[in-house]
């Protein structure tokens, strides 16, 4: 059993989380809010391919995180869902305010 930082899961009942059933949620939280130690603990439970898969479909609250994980995992930045989503939004000079 891995020992993730409970502070990463402030908004849920930590005891109710299942490492298999809630894998995507747990991995996303570590990728977004975790530190080096959280990442090391996560790697004990999940293989790198699963982590890369989740990394690409996570909605990051900033633009630094997908850039960082893109470099760490050697994944093209364009493969990240949040990058695709933001790049498809077109702005109009005529948009209403």
N, C-alpha and C. Protein backbone atom coordinates (compact mmCIF):
# COMPACT_ATOMS: atom_id res chain seq x y z
N UNK A 1 0.85 -1.19 0.00
CA UNK A 1 0.00 0.00 0.00
C UNK A 1 0.89 1.25 0.00
N UNK A 2 0.58 2.16 -0.87
CA UNK A 2 1.36 3.39 -0.94
C UNK A 2 0.81 4.40 0.05
N UNK A 3 1.63 5.35 0.38
CA UNK A 3 1.25 6.36 1.36
C UNK A 3 1.27 7.74 0.72
N UNK A 4 0.17 8.09 0.07
CA UNK A 4 0.06 9.41 -0.55
C UNK A 4 -0.28 10.45 0.50
N UNK A 5 0.13 11.65 0.25
CA UNK A 5 -0.15 12.77 1.14
C UNK A 5 -1.65 13.05 1.16
N UNK A 6 -2.27 12.91 2.30
CA UNK A 6 -3.72 13.09 2.44
C UNK A 6 -4.15 14.52 2.09
N UNK A 7 -3.25 15.47 2.23
CA UNK A 7 -3.59 16.87 1.93
C UNK A 7 -3.93 17.07 0.45
N UNK A 8 -3.47 16.18 -0.41
CA UNK A 8 -3.78 16.28 -1.84
C UNK A 8 -5.25 15.97 -2.12
N UNK A 9 -5.90 15.35 -1.15
CA UNK A 9 -7.28 14.88 -1.32
C UNK A 9 -8.20 15.51 -0.28
N UNK A 10 -8.04 16.81 -0.11
CA UNK A 10 -8.76 17.56 0.91
C UNK A 10 -10.28 17.54 0.73
N UNK A 11 -10.72 17.32 -0.49
CA UNK A 11 -12.14 17.47 -0.80
C UNK A 11 -12.90 16.15 -0.88
N UNK A 12 -12.25 15.05 -0.58
CA UNK A 12 -12.89 13.73 -0.63
C UNK A 12 -12.56 12.96 0.65
N UNK A 13 -13.31 11.91 0.89
CA UNK A 13 -13.00 11.02 2.00
C UNK A 13 -11.85 10.12 1.57
N UNK A 14 -10.68 10.41 2.07
CA UNK A 14 -9.48 9.70 1.65
C UNK A 14 -9.60 8.20 1.87
N UNK A 15 -10.23 7.80 2.95
CA UNK A 15 -10.36 6.38 3.28
C UNK A 15 -11.22 5.63 2.27
N UNK A 16 -12.07 6.35 1.54
CA UNK A 16 -12.96 5.71 0.57
C UNK A 16 -12.30 5.51 -0.79
N UNK A 17 -11.10 6.04 -0.97
CA UNK A 17 -10.43 5.93 -2.27
C UNK A 17 -9.83 4.54 -2.44
N UNK A 18 -10.04 3.99 -3.61
CA UNK A 18 -9.52 2.68 -3.97
C UNK A 18 -8.42 2.89 -5.01
N UNK A 19 -7.24 2.34 -4.77
CA UNK A 19 -6.10 2.59 -5.65
C UNK A 19 -6.29 2.06 -7.07
N UNK A 20 -7.12 1.07 -7.24
CA UNK A 20 -7.38 0.56 -8.59
C UNK A 20 -8.55 1.30 -9.23
N UNK A 21 -9.64 1.39 -8.51
CA UNK A 21 -10.87 1.99 -9.04
C UNK A 21 -10.72 3.49 -9.30
N UNK A 22 -9.98 4.17 -8.47
CA UNK A 22 -9.83 5.63 -8.58
C UNK A 22 -8.43 6.03 -9.06
N UNK A 23 -7.80 5.16 -9.83
CA UNK A 23 -6.42 5.39 -10.27
C UNK A 23 -6.26 6.73 -11.00
N UNK A 24 -7.14 7.01 -11.96
CA UNK A 24 -7.00 8.26 -12.72
C UNK A 24 -7.09 9.48 -11.82
N UNK A 25 -8.02 9.45 -10.88
CA UNK A 25 -8.19 10.57 -9.95
C UNK A 25 -6.94 10.74 -9.09
N UNK A 26 -6.44 9.65 -8.54
CA UNK A 26 -5.27 9.72 -7.66
C UNK A 26 -4.04 10.21 -8.42
N UNK A 27 -3.83 9.67 -9.60
CA UNK A 27 -2.67 10.08 -10.40
C UNK A 27 -2.77 11.55 -10.78
N UNK A 28 -3.94 11.99 -11.20
CA UNK A 28 -4.13 13.41 -11.57
C UNK A 28 -3.79 14.33 -10.41
N UNK A 29 -4.28 13.99 -9.24
CA UNK A 29 -4.01 14.85 -8.08
C UNK A 29 -2.52 14.95 -7.79
N UNK A 30 -1.82 13.85 -7.90
CA UNK A 30 -0.38 13.89 -7.65
C UNK A 30 0.31 14.71 -8.74
N UNK A 31 -0.09 14.55 -9.99
CA UNK A 31 0.52 15.32 -11.07
C UNK A 31 0.26 16.81 -10.93
N UNK A 32 -0.91 17.17 -10.44
CA UNK A 32 -1.26 18.59 -10.32
C UNK A 32 -0.69 19.21 -9.05
N UNK A 33 -0.90 18.56 -7.92
CA UNK A 33 -0.59 19.18 -6.62
C UNK A 33 0.56 18.53 -5.85
N UNK A 34 1.00 17.37 -6.30
CA UNK A 34 2.00 16.63 -5.54
C UNK A 34 3.41 17.18 -5.67
N UNK A 35 4.27 16.66 -4.82
CA UNK A 35 5.68 17.01 -4.89
C UNK A 35 6.48 15.76 -5.26
N UNK A 36 7.78 15.87 -5.18
CA UNK A 36 8.66 14.78 -5.58
C UNK A 36 8.38 13.49 -4.78
N UNK A 37 8.16 13.63 -3.50
CA UNK A 37 7.89 12.46 -2.66
C UNK A 37 6.55 11.81 -3.02
N UNK A 38 5.55 12.63 -3.31
CA UNK A 38 4.24 12.09 -3.74
C UNK A 38 4.40 11.31 -5.04
N UNK A 39 5.19 11.85 -5.95
CA UNK A 39 5.42 11.18 -7.23
C UNK A 39 6.11 9.83 -7.01
N UNK A 40 7.12 9.81 -6.14
CA UNK A 40 7.83 8.55 -5.86
C UNK A 40 6.87 7.51 -5.29
N UNK A 41 5.99 7.92 -4.40
CA UNK A 41 5.01 7.00 -3.82
C UNK A 41 4.04 6.49 -4.89
N UNK A 42 3.61 7.39 -5.76
CA UNK A 42 2.68 7.01 -6.82
C UNK A 42 3.32 5.97 -7.75
N UNK A 43 4.61 6.13 -8.04
CA UNK A 43 5.32 5.21 -8.93
C UNK A 43 5.40 3.81 -8.35
N UNK A 44 5.27 3.69 -7.04
CA UNK A 44 5.28 2.36 -6.41
C UNK A 44 4.01 1.58 -6.77
N UNK A 45 2.94 2.29 -7.04
CA UNK A 45 1.64 1.66 -7.31
C UNK A 45 1.32 1.55 -8.80
N UNK A 46 1.69 2.58 -9.58
CA UNK A 46 1.27 2.64 -10.98
C UNK A 46 2.48 2.62 -11.92
N UNK A 47 2.31 1.93 -13.05
CA UNK A 47 3.40 1.89 -14.02
C UNK A 47 3.45 3.20 -14.80
N UNK A 48 4.58 3.44 -15.42
CA UNK A 48 4.81 4.71 -16.10
C UNK A 48 3.85 4.92 -17.26
N UNK A 49 3.45 3.86 -17.94
CA UNK A 49 2.52 4.00 -19.06
C UNK A 49 1.16 4.51 -18.58
N UNK A 50 0.69 4.00 -17.46
CA UNK A 50 -0.58 4.47 -16.89
C UNK A 50 -0.46 5.94 -16.49
N UNK A 51 0.63 6.31 -15.89
CA UNK A 51 0.83 7.70 -15.46
C UNK A 51 0.88 8.63 -16.68
N UNK A 52 1.56 8.22 -17.73
CA UNK A 52 1.62 9.04 -18.96
C UNK A 52 0.23 9.20 -19.57
N UNK A 53 -0.54 8.12 -19.57
CA UNK A 53 -1.90 8.16 -20.12
C UNK A 53 -2.75 9.18 -19.36
N UNK A 54 -2.69 9.13 -18.04
CA UNK A 54 -3.47 10.06 -17.22
C UNK A 54 -2.94 11.48 -17.38
N UNK A 55 -1.63 11.63 -17.45
CA UNK A 55 -1.04 12.96 -17.59
C UNK A 55 -1.58 13.68 -18.81
N UNK A 56 -1.79 12.95 -19.89
CA UNK A 56 -2.26 13.56 -21.13
C UNK A 56 -3.72 13.95 -21.10
N UNK A 57 -4.52 13.33 -20.24
CA UNK A 57 -5.94 13.66 -20.20
C UNK A 57 -6.35 14.48 -18.98
N UNK A 58 -5.38 14.89 -18.19
CA UNK A 58 -5.65 15.70 -17.00
C UNK A 58 -5.90 17.15 -17.39
N UNK A 59 -6.86 17.78 -16.72
CA UNK A 59 -7.10 19.22 -16.88
C UNK A 59 -6.28 19.97 -15.83
N UNK A 60 -5.17 20.53 -16.25
CA UNK A 60 -4.28 21.24 -15.32
C UNK A 60 -4.79 22.65 -15.10
N UNK A 61 -4.63 23.17 -13.88
CA UNK A 61 -5.11 24.52 -13.59
C UNK A 61 -4.18 25.62 -14.09
N UNK A 62 -3.03 25.23 -14.62
CA UNK A 62 -2.07 26.22 -15.13
C UNK A 62 -1.44 25.69 -16.42
N UNK A 63 -0.61 26.50 -17.02
CA UNK A 63 0.04 26.09 -18.27
C UNK A 63 1.43 25.51 -18.04
N UNK A 64 1.96 25.71 -16.84
CA UNK A 64 3.30 25.19 -16.54
C UNK A 64 3.30 23.68 -16.39
N UNK A 65 2.28 23.15 -15.75
CA UNK A 65 2.26 21.71 -15.46
C UNK A 65 2.30 20.84 -16.71
N UNK A 66 1.43 21.08 -17.71
CA UNK A 66 1.54 20.22 -18.90
C UNK A 66 2.90 20.37 -19.60
N UNK A 67 3.46 21.55 -19.57
CA UNK A 67 4.79 21.74 -20.16
C UNK A 67 5.83 20.91 -19.41
N UNK A 68 5.75 20.94 -18.08
CA UNK A 68 6.68 20.18 -17.25
C UNK A 68 6.55 18.68 -17.53
N UNK A 69 5.33 18.15 -17.47
CA UNK A 69 5.14 16.71 -17.66
C UNK A 69 5.44 16.29 -19.10
N UNK A 70 5.24 17.17 -20.04
CA UNK A 70 5.61 16.89 -21.42
C UNK A 70 7.11 16.64 -21.52
N UNK A 71 7.89 17.46 -20.84
CA UNK A 71 9.34 17.29 -20.84
C UNK A 71 9.77 16.05 -20.07
N UNK A 72 9.20 15.85 -18.90
CA UNK A 72 9.58 14.72 -18.05
C UNK A 72 9.27 13.39 -18.73
N UNK A 73 8.09 13.29 -19.33
CA UNK A 73 7.65 12.03 -19.93
C UNK A 73 8.00 11.91 -21.41
N UNK A 74 8.60 12.95 -21.97
CA UNK A 74 8.96 12.97 -23.39
C UNK A 74 7.72 12.71 -24.27
N UNK A 75 6.68 13.48 -23.99
CA UNK A 75 5.42 13.40 -24.73
C UNK A 75 5.21 14.75 -25.42
N UNK A 76 4.86 14.77 -26.69
CA UNK A 76 4.62 16.06 -27.35
C UNK A 76 3.51 16.84 -26.62
N UNK A 77 3.74 18.09 -26.43
CA UNK A 77 2.79 18.94 -25.71
C UNK A 77 1.41 18.92 -26.36
N UNK A 78 1.36 18.78 -27.66
CA UNK A 78 0.10 18.76 -28.38
C UNK A 78 -0.76 17.54 -28.03
N UNK A 79 -0.15 16.53 -27.40
CA UNK A 79 -0.87 15.32 -27.01
C UNK A 79 -1.71 15.52 -25.75
N UNK A 80 -1.49 16.61 -25.05
CA UNK A 80 -2.21 16.87 -23.81
C UNK A 80 -3.59 17.46 -24.11
N UNK A 81 -4.60 16.87 -23.54
CA UNK A 81 -5.99 17.29 -23.77
C UNK A 81 -6.19 18.77 -23.48
N UNK A 82 -5.63 19.25 -22.38
CA UNK A 82 -5.84 20.64 -22.00
C UNK A 82 -5.19 21.60 -23.00
N UNK A 83 -4.14 21.19 -23.66
CA UNK A 83 -3.49 22.02 -24.68
C UNK A 83 -4.33 22.02 -25.94
N UNK A 84 -4.83 20.86 -26.31
CA UNK A 84 -5.70 20.77 -27.49
C UNK A 84 -6.94 21.63 -27.30
N UNK A 85 -7.53 21.53 -26.11
CA UNK A 85 -8.76 22.26 -25.82
C UNK A 85 -8.53 23.77 -25.90
N UNK A 86 -7.45 24.25 -25.30
CA UNK A 86 -7.22 25.69 -25.30
C UNK A 86 -6.79 26.20 -26.67
N UNK A 87 -6.14 25.37 -27.47
CA UNK A 87 -5.69 25.83 -28.78
C UNK A 87 -6.82 25.84 -29.81
N UNK A 88 -7.91 25.16 -29.51
CA UNK A 88 -9.03 25.13 -30.47
C UNK A 88 -9.99 26.30 -30.26
N UNK A 89 -9.85 27.02 -29.17
CA UNK A 89 -10.71 28.17 -28.94
C UNK A 89 -10.22 29.33 -29.80
N UNK A 90 -11.12 29.84 -30.61
CA UNK A 90 -10.76 30.97 -31.44
C UNK A 90 -11.36 32.23 -30.84
N UNK A 91 -10.57 33.25 -30.80
CA UNK A 91 -11.05 34.52 -30.29
C UNK A 91 -11.43 35.42 -31.45
N UNK A 92 -12.46 36.15 -31.24
CA UNK A 92 -12.92 37.07 -32.26
C UNK A 92 -12.73 38.50 -31.76
N UNK A 93 -12.35 39.37 -32.66
CA UNK A 93 -12.22 40.77 -32.26
C UNK A 93 -13.60 41.38 -32.05
N UNK A 94 -14.63 40.69 -32.50
CA UNK A 94 -15.99 41.20 -32.37
C UNK A 94 -16.75 40.57 -31.18
N UNK A 95 -16.05 39.80 -30.35
CA UNK A 95 -16.74 39.15 -29.24
C UNK A 95 -17.27 40.20 -28.27
N UNK A 96 -18.41 39.89 -27.69
CA UNK A 96 -19.04 40.82 -26.76
C UNK A 96 -18.39 40.69 -25.39
N UNK A 97 -18.39 41.78 -24.68
CA UNK A 97 -17.79 41.77 -23.35
C UNK A 97 -18.84 41.87 -22.31
